[in-house]
Protein backbone atom coordinates (compact mmCIF):
# COMPACT_ATOMS: atom_id res chain seq x y z
CA MET A 1 87.54 121.95 112.77
CA SER A 2 90.58 120.52 112.87
CA ASP A 3 93.56 123.14 113.53
CA SER A 4 95.51 121.62 110.91
CA ILE A 5 95.20 122.05 106.51
CA ILE A 6 94.08 119.12 104.67
CA VAL A 7 93.59 118.62 101.31
CA ARG A 8 92.92 114.90 100.18
CA VAL A 9 92.28 113.30 96.49
CA GLN A 10 90.26 110.44 96.00
CA LEU A 11 88.84 108.29 93.25
CA ASN A 12 85.73 106.79 93.80
CA ASN A 13 82.08 106.43 92.81
CA PHE A 14 80.46 109.13 94.42
CA ASP A 15 77.03 109.15 92.49
CA VAL A 16 75.20 106.30 93.40
CA ALA A 17 72.70 106.86 89.97
CA HIS A 18 75.92 105.98 87.57
CA ARG A 19 78.75 103.39 87.48
CA THR A 20 81.35 105.45 86.62
CA LYS A 21 84.07 106.99 89.10
CA ASP A 22 84.84 110.82 90.06
CA THR A 23 88.13 112.39 91.56
CA GLN A 24 86.86 114.05 94.35
CA VAL A 25 89.28 117.13 95.68
CA TYR A 26 88.51 117.78 99.70
CA VAL A 27 90.40 120.96 101.04
CA GLN A 28 90.08 121.62 105.08
CA ILE A 29 91.05 125.24 105.85
CA PRO A 30 90.94 126.31 109.42
CA GLU A 31 88.93 129.13 109.99
CA VAL A 32 87.81 129.51 106.06
CA ALA A 33 85.74 126.82 105.11
CA ARG A 34 85.67 123.13 103.77
CA ALA A 35 84.77 122.69 100.47
CA SER A 36 85.25 119.83 97.71
CA TRP A 37 85.08 119.95 94.04
CA LEU A 38 84.78 116.15 91.72
CA LEU A 39 86.79 116.33 88.80
CA PRO A 40 87.24 113.62 85.90
CA ALA A 41 88.50 110.07 86.61
CA GLU A 42 91.47 110.81 84.64
CA ALA A 43 92.51 113.86 87.01
CA TYR A 44 93.34 111.33 89.50
CA ASP A 45 96.77 110.06 88.46
CA ASN A 46 98.09 113.53 87.99
CA LEU A 47 96.87 115.20 90.96
CA ARG A 48 97.27 112.31 93.78
CA ASP A 49 100.93 113.33 94.22
CA ALA A 50 100.77 116.79 93.35
CA GLU A 51 101.63 119.63 95.77
CA TRP A 52 98.56 120.99 97.65
CA GLY A 53 98.61 124.26 95.92
CA ASP A 54 99.00 122.83 92.25
CA VAL A 55 95.82 120.53 93.26
CA LEU A 56 93.62 123.62 94.02
CA ASP A 57 94.28 125.31 91.20
CA ALA A 58 93.61 122.36 88.86
CA ALA A 59 90.40 122.00 90.69
CA ILE A 60 89.12 125.44 90.43
CA LYS A 61 90.43 126.00 87.13
CA SER A 62 88.49 122.94 85.98
CA TYR A 63 85.04 124.13 87.78
CA GLU A 64 85.41 127.51 86.05
CA GLU A 65 86.39 126.03 82.38
CA ARG A 66 83.19 123.64 82.70
CA TRP A 67 81.15 125.95 84.20
CA VAL A 68 79.82 123.86 87.20
CA VAL A 69 76.89 124.90 89.08
CA THR A 70 76.20 124.27 92.74
CA ASP A 71 74.06 125.01 95.56
CA THR A 72 75.25 127.97 97.39
CA ALA A 73 76.74 126.97 100.30
CA SER A 74 79.36 124.97 98.54
CA ALA A 75 79.82 128.10 96.15
CA ASN A 76 80.59 130.09 98.68
CA ALA A 77 82.73 128.07 100.34
CA ARG A 78 85.07 127.44 97.32
CA GLU A 79 85.22 131.10 96.71
CA ALA A 80 86.35 131.54 100.18
CA VAL A 81 89.34 128.85 99.49
CA ARG A 82 89.78 130.42 95.98
CA ALA A 83 90.56 133.92 97.72
CA TRP A 84 92.49 132.48 100.75
CA LEU A 85 95.21 131.09 98.13
CA LYS A 86 95.53 134.66 96.66
CA VAL A 87 97.82 135.46 99.65
CA ASP A 88 101.14 134.38 99.04
CA GLU A 89 101.79 133.55 102.85
CA ASN A 90 98.61 131.45 102.71
CA ARG A 91 100.09 129.35 99.76
CA ASP A 92 103.24 128.92 102.00
CA ALA A 93 101.03 127.61 104.80
CA LEU A 94 100.08 125.02 102.73
CA ASN A 95 102.95 123.65 100.91
CA GLU A 96 104.57 123.48 104.48
CA ALA A 97 101.09 121.66 105.22
CA TRP A 98 101.71 119.53 102.41
CA PHE A 99 105.08 118.84 103.26
CA GLN A 100 104.26 117.48 106.55
CA ASP A 101 101.89 115.14 105.51
CA ARG A 102 103.61 113.77 103.12
CA ALA A 103 106.29 113.37 105.79
CA ARG A 104 103.60 111.82 108.65
CA ARG A 105 102.66 109.42 105.55
CA ASP A 106 105.91 108.05 104.42
CA PRO A 107 107.97 105.88 106.46
CA VAL A 108 110.79 106.80 104.48
CA SER A 109 110.38 110.71 104.79
CA ARG A 110 109.50 110.31 108.60
CA SER A 111 113.09 108.28 108.70
CA LEU A 112 114.60 110.86 107.29
CA LEU A 113 113.29 113.83 109.23
CA ARG A 114 113.94 111.70 112.73
CA ASP A 115 117.47 111.82 111.47
CA VAL A 116 117.90 115.20 110.49
CA GLU A 117 116.60 116.30 113.69
CA GLN A 118 119.17 114.15 115.28
CA LEU A 119 121.88 115.51 113.25
CA ARG A 120 121.14 118.91 113.63
CA ALA A 121 120.94 118.21 117.46
CA GLN A 122 124.37 117.01 117.56
CA LEU A 123 125.67 119.91 115.42
CA ALA A 124 123.93 122.27 117.85
CA ALA A 125 126.01 120.59 120.65
CA SER A 126 129.37 120.23 118.76
CA GLU A 127 129.19 123.85 118.04
CA GLN A 128 128.46 124.91 121.63
CA HIS A 129 131.25 122.25 123.14
CA SER A 130 133.67 123.93 120.30
CA GLU A 131 132.56 127.66 121.24
CA ARG A 132 133.11 126.91 125.08
CA ARG A 133 136.25 125.37 123.99
CA ARG A 134 137.54 128.78 122.03
CA ILE A 135 136.13 131.00 125.14
CA ALA A 136 138.36 128.83 127.28
CA TRP A 137 141.39 128.68 125.13
CA ARG A 138 141.42 132.60 124.66
CA MET A 139 140.75 133.17 128.83
CA ALA A 140 143.80 130.25 129.18
CA ARG A 141 146.04 132.82 126.71
CA THR A 142 144.94 135.87 128.88
CA ARG A 143 145.85 134.53 131.93
CA ALA A 144 148.93 133.00 130.41
CA LEU A 145 150.00 136.55 129.34
CA ALA A 146 149.55 138.31 132.90
CA THR A 147 150.95 135.23 134.66
CA GLY A 148 154.08 133.56 133.00
CA GLY A 149 153.84 130.74 135.39
CA ALA A 150 150.39 129.71 134.35
CA ALA A 151 151.56 129.63 130.98
CA ASP A 152 152.90 125.99 130.64
CA ARG A 153 150.02 124.52 131.90
CA TYR A 154 147.46 126.10 129.35
CA ALA A 155 150.14 125.36 126.78
CA ALA A 156 149.61 121.62 127.86
CA GLN A 157 146.08 121.86 127.72
CA ALA A 158 145.62 123.43 124.39
CA ARG A 159 148.28 120.86 123.49
CA TYR A 160 145.63 117.90 124.63
CA ALA A 161 143.12 120.05 122.90
CA GLN A 162 145.22 119.83 119.70
CA GLU A 163 145.66 116.13 120.08
CA ALA A 164 141.98 115.13 120.43
CA LEU A 165 141.12 117.36 117.24
CA GLN A 166 143.79 115.27 115.44
CA HIS A 167 142.35 112.06 116.59
CA MET A 168 138.88 113.24 115.68
CA LEU A 169 140.08 114.18 112.22
CA PHE A 170 141.82 110.76 112.00
CA THR A 171 138.71 108.97 113.15
CA VAL A 172 136.70 111.43 110.06
CA ILE A 173 139.47 110.30 107.45
CA ALA A 174 139.05 106.71 108.60
CA GLY A 175 135.15 105.97 108.60
CA GLN A 176 135.71 107.67 104.62
CA MET A 177 137.89 106.01 103.88
CA ALA A 178 135.86 102.73 104.81
CA LEU A 179 132.52 104.18 103.41
CA HIS A 180 134.45 104.42 99.99
CA ALA A 181 135.59 100.69 100.35
CA ALA A 182 132.54 99.52 100.62
CA ARG A 183 130.75 101.32 98.14
CA LEU A 184 133.20 100.00 95.66
CA GLU A 185 132.47 96.64 96.94
CA ALA A 186 128.69 96.96 96.86
CA ASN A 187 129.58 97.96 93.02
CA GLU A 188 131.28 94.73 92.24
CA LEU A 189 129.16 92.69 94.01
CA ARG A 190 126.05 94.43 91.67
CA THR A 191 128.60 94.01 88.95
CA ARG A 192 128.61 90.57 89.09
CA VAL A 193 124.94 90.13 89.80
CA ALA A 194 124.16 91.83 87.03
CA GLU A 195 126.84 89.66 84.85
CA LEU A 196 124.77 86.66 86.52
CA GLU A 197 121.36 87.79 85.53
CA ARG A 198 122.18 88.77 81.86
CA PRO A 199 121.71 85.63 80.22
CA ALA A 200 117.97 85.24 81.69
CA MET A 201 117.07 88.49 81.01
CA GLU A 202 118.23 88.66 77.48
CA ARG A 203 116.24 85.27 77.16
CA HIS A 204 113.06 86.93 78.63
CA ARG A 205 113.72 89.94 76.04
CA SER A 206 114.06 87.53 73.08
CA ASP A 207 110.53 85.80 74.43
CA VAL A 208 108.59 88.74 74.88
CA ARG A 209 110.64 90.36 71.14
CA GLU A 210 108.78 86.81 69.60
CA SER A 211 105.33 87.12 71.78
CA TYR A 212 104.88 90.60 69.69
CA ARG A 213 106.25 89.33 66.56
CA GLN A 214 103.47 86.66 66.80
CA LEU A 215 100.72 89.10 68.00
CA ALA A 216 101.66 91.78 64.81
CA THR A 217 101.56 88.51 62.57
CA GLN A 218 98.21 87.61 63.67
CA ALA A 219 97.13 90.82 63.41
CA ARG A 220 98.42 91.40 59.91
CA GLU A 221 96.75 87.74 58.79
CA ASP A 222 93.54 88.97 60.20
CA GLY A 223 93.39 92.18 58.22
CA ASP A 224 93.87 94.25 61.12
CA PHE A 225 96.68 96.91 60.10
CA GLU A 226 96.35 99.19 62.44
CA GLY A 227 96.59 96.77 64.80
CA GLU A 228 99.43 95.55 63.76
CA ALA A 229 101.27 99.05 63.76
CA VAL A 230 100.12 99.36 67.09
CA VAL A 231 101.88 96.26 68.25
CA GLN A 232 104.67 97.27 66.41
CA GLN A 233 104.98 100.56 67.84
CA GLN A 234 104.80 98.83 70.94
CA LEU A 235 107.43 96.47 70.36
CA ALA A 236 109.74 99.82 69.67
CA GLU A 237 108.81 101.49 73.06
CA ARG A 238 109.99 98.31 74.72
CA GLU A 239 113.19 98.11 72.83
CA ALA A 240 114.25 101.79 73.35
CA VAL A 241 113.52 101.38 76.91
CA TRP A 242 115.97 98.00 77.09
CA ALA A 243 119.13 99.97 74.99
CA ARG A 244 118.37 102.78 77.90
CA GLU A 245 118.53 100.32 80.58
CA ASP A 246 121.79 98.95 78.94
CA GLN A 247 123.52 102.74 78.26
CA LEU A 248 122.71 103.64 82.08
CA ALA A 249 124.35 100.10 83.34
CA LYS A 250 127.36 100.63 81.33
CA GLU A 251 127.73 103.98 82.53
CA PHE A 252 126.91 103.17 86.29
CA ALA A 253 129.16 100.24 86.31
CA ASN A 254 132.46 102.56 85.04
CA ASP A 255 131.24 105.42 88.05
CA PRO A 256 131.50 103.30 91.64
CA LEU A 257 130.26 106.09 93.41
CA ALA A 258 127.27 106.87 91.44
CA VAL A 259 123.63 105.78 92.17
CA GLN A 260 122.13 102.89 90.50
CA PRO A 261 119.76 104.96 87.74
CA TYR A 262 115.56 103.87 87.71
CA VAL A 263 114.38 103.66 84.45
CA PRO A 264 110.74 103.91 84.00
CA GLY A 265 108.85 101.45 81.55
CA PRO A 266 107.12 102.36 78.35
CA SER A 267 103.87 104.07 78.53
CA VAL A 268 101.96 100.90 77.34
CA ASP A 269 102.27 99.14 80.50
CA ALA A 270 101.34 101.84 82.73
CA SER A 271 97.98 99.99 83.33
CA VAL A 272 98.62 95.98 81.82
CA ASP A 273 101.18 94.41 79.25
CA ARG A 274 98.73 94.17 76.05
CA LEU A 275 99.92 90.23 75.81
CA THR A 276 98.19 89.86 79.38
CA ARG A 277 94.96 91.87 77.68
CA LEU A 278 94.91 89.47 74.89
CA LEU A 279 95.33 86.19 76.60
CA ALA A 280 93.57 86.96 80.06
CA PRO A 281 91.69 90.45 79.73
CA THR A 282 89.60 90.02 82.49
CA GLN A 283 92.04 89.25 84.93
CA ALA A 284 94.27 92.35 83.09
CA LEU A 285 91.77 95.39 84.23
CA ARG A 286 92.45 97.64 86.68
CA GLU A 287 89.96 98.86 89.07
CA ASP A 288 90.85 102.55 88.23
CA GLU A 289 90.83 101.57 84.43
CA PRO A 290 87.92 103.31 82.60
CA ALA A 291 84.17 101.74 82.59
CA ALA A 292 84.15 101.75 78.84
CA LEU A 293 87.64 99.40 78.79
CA ARG A 294 85.13 96.45 80.43
CA ALA A 295 83.24 94.16 77.79
CA GLU A 296 80.64 93.73 80.42
CA ASP A 297 79.86 97.70 79.30
CA THR A 298 79.39 97.27 75.87
CA ALA A 299 75.66 96.20 76.25
CA ASP A 300 75.28 100.24 77.13
CA ILE A 301 76.22 101.21 73.51
CA LEU A 302 72.99 99.13 72.11
CA THR A 303 70.47 101.81 74.00
CA LEU A 304 71.73 104.33 72.10
CA ALA A 305 69.40 103.90 68.71
CA ASP A 306 66.94 101.87 67.20
CA ALA A 307 67.64 99.00 64.69
CA GLN A 308 66.48 95.77 63.23
CA HIS A 309 69.36 93.85 64.98
CA ALA A 310 71.97 95.08 66.88
CA ASP A 311 75.04 93.62 68.66
CA ALA A 312 78.15 94.38 70.06
CA THR A 313 81.04 92.84 71.29
CA TYR A 314 84.74 93.96 73.09
CA ASP A 315 88.08 93.18 71.60
CA PRO A 316 90.41 92.89 74.78
CA ALA A 317 93.59 92.72 72.42
CA PHE A 318 93.18 95.86 70.53
CA GLN A 319 90.80 97.64 73.06
CA THR A 320 87.73 98.31 70.12
CA ILE A 321 83.79 97.72 70.48
CA ASN A 322 82.65 95.99 67.13
CA LEU A 323 78.99 96.92 66.34
CA GLU A 324 77.03 95.08 64.09
CA LEU A 325 73.76 96.19 62.66
CA THR A 326 71.02 95.49 60.81
CA ALA A 327 69.14 98.46 60.35
CA THR A 328 67.13 101.19 57.52
CA PRO A 329 68.53 104.06 56.30
CA GLU A 330 66.65 105.87 58.48
CA GLN A 331 67.58 104.02 61.82
CA TRP A 332 70.98 104.37 60.39
CA ALA A 333 71.08 108.19 60.31
CA GLY A 334 69.82 107.75 64.04
CA TRP A 335 73.12 105.67 64.61
CA GLN A 336 75.26 108.14 62.73
CA LYS A 337 73.90 111.01 64.94
CA ALA A 338 73.96 109.27 68.53
CA LEU A 339 77.79 107.90 67.76
CA ALA A 340 78.84 111.08 65.61
CA VAL A 341 80.63 108.78 63.34
CA ASP A 342 83.74 109.94 61.49
CA LEU A 343 82.44 110.96 57.91
CA ALA A 344 85.82 111.10 56.44
CA ARG A 345 86.14 107.23 57.66
CA THR A 346 82.73 105.86 56.53
CA THR A 347 82.63 103.39 53.40
CA ASN A 348 79.32 102.66 51.51
CA ARG A 349 79.87 99.24 50.08
CA GLY A 350 76.17 99.22 48.75
CA SER A 351 74.21 97.01 51.08
CA CYS A 352 76.96 97.61 53.89
CA VAL A 353 78.34 100.58 55.37
CA THR A 354 81.41 100.56 57.36
CA SER A 355 82.31 103.40 59.49
CA HIS A 356 84.81 104.32 63.17
CA ALA A 357 83.49 106.29 66.30
CA THR A 358 84.44 107.16 69.65
CA TRP A 359 82.49 105.36 72.38
CA ARG A 360 83.34 106.49 75.98
CA GLY A 361 87.00 106.72 75.04
CA SER A 362 86.95 103.82 73.00
CA HIS A 363 87.16 102.92 69.03
CA VAL A 364 84.41 101.92 67.50
CA VAL A 365 84.02 99.98 64.23
CA ILE A 366 81.03 99.72 63.18
CA ARG A 367 79.37 97.60 60.32
CA CYS A 368 75.63 98.09 59.06
CA TRP A 369 73.93 95.69 57.08
CA PHE A 370 70.64 97.21 55.12
CA SER A 371 67.28 95.82 55.44
CA GLU A 372 65.39 95.20 51.95
CA SER A 373 63.01 98.54 53.12
CA GLY A 374 66.39 100.47 52.15
CA SER A 375 69.19 100.75 50.35
CA GLY A 376 72.72 101.29 50.82
CA SER A 377 73.30 104.92 48.72
CA GLU A 378 70.23 106.21 50.79
CA ALA A 379 72.29 105.38 53.86
CA GLY A 380 75.11 106.36 52.34
CA ASP A 381 73.47 110.20 51.94
CA ALA A 382 72.07 109.75 55.65
């Protein structure tokens, strides 16, 4: 076992019998235990950059809430880790190990740590040098009081030290003034660049607005008012982000010493732009997205219950599964149970029933036509 504390969070397929991915939390504590937890895939984004103490707390809580049953050795290892975390000194050691691990794995952090160590060494050397000078000055003063003849020589040395200190002070002031001037110049250059890029940015924003409006118009013409509302909401979120960018840019222009702000994008862009899903749905999907968002997985829904005819298609533009059924009332009852359909959104249209459900995180729009052996009223009662 290694002599250092290690915690790793991975997203992978740990079960060869299933195609879904899980989040694995692995911990190694010297002289305590090695343990791992398997959590849902959606937990990966919240845990991969979190502190190790928070990661282990979340993993332990998830197993307690889900009543996960494992072999005795694994359960004992997890219990040992849990007991170890209850000691405050151990948690402090875990946080320090997390900090050192991030510093080793992050090039910027490694560079900053090296700079900090160099500055500390320089500060220690300066303090030692200053202390030696203070001691020398006190000894010189004592000797000067005792022997008047040596007073002039030590006074000269004191004046020399004072001049050196003044020269150092002037050097520091000049450096600060040069740094301030460089910041002002950098701010002027950034302002000029922003002015030059502004027309292109406005054209880009206009193109994006027009794309969203066309998508909303298409959804409205298709009768998909829910899809139109989603598109309008995403456009409003983009407008809010753009307004925030413009506001921060103005504040930054008025404060030359400020650090240029970072504005996160809207939540709809966390995986892929909606327009990209519409124009190139297959290329737009990411590896870490749920399997239910992939069109090839819609075939799995056809195995949930029996029907005389069943067909499922995935709509990447609105991230929905369209399920078309031809079935008897008894078969339709089986589909209702398998998908746990929303009865409040179920509409009986005589020979056809429309309903909605959720399967593997995706919205399912269901249309069921009844065969000659049954009627729509029987299906509604089912």
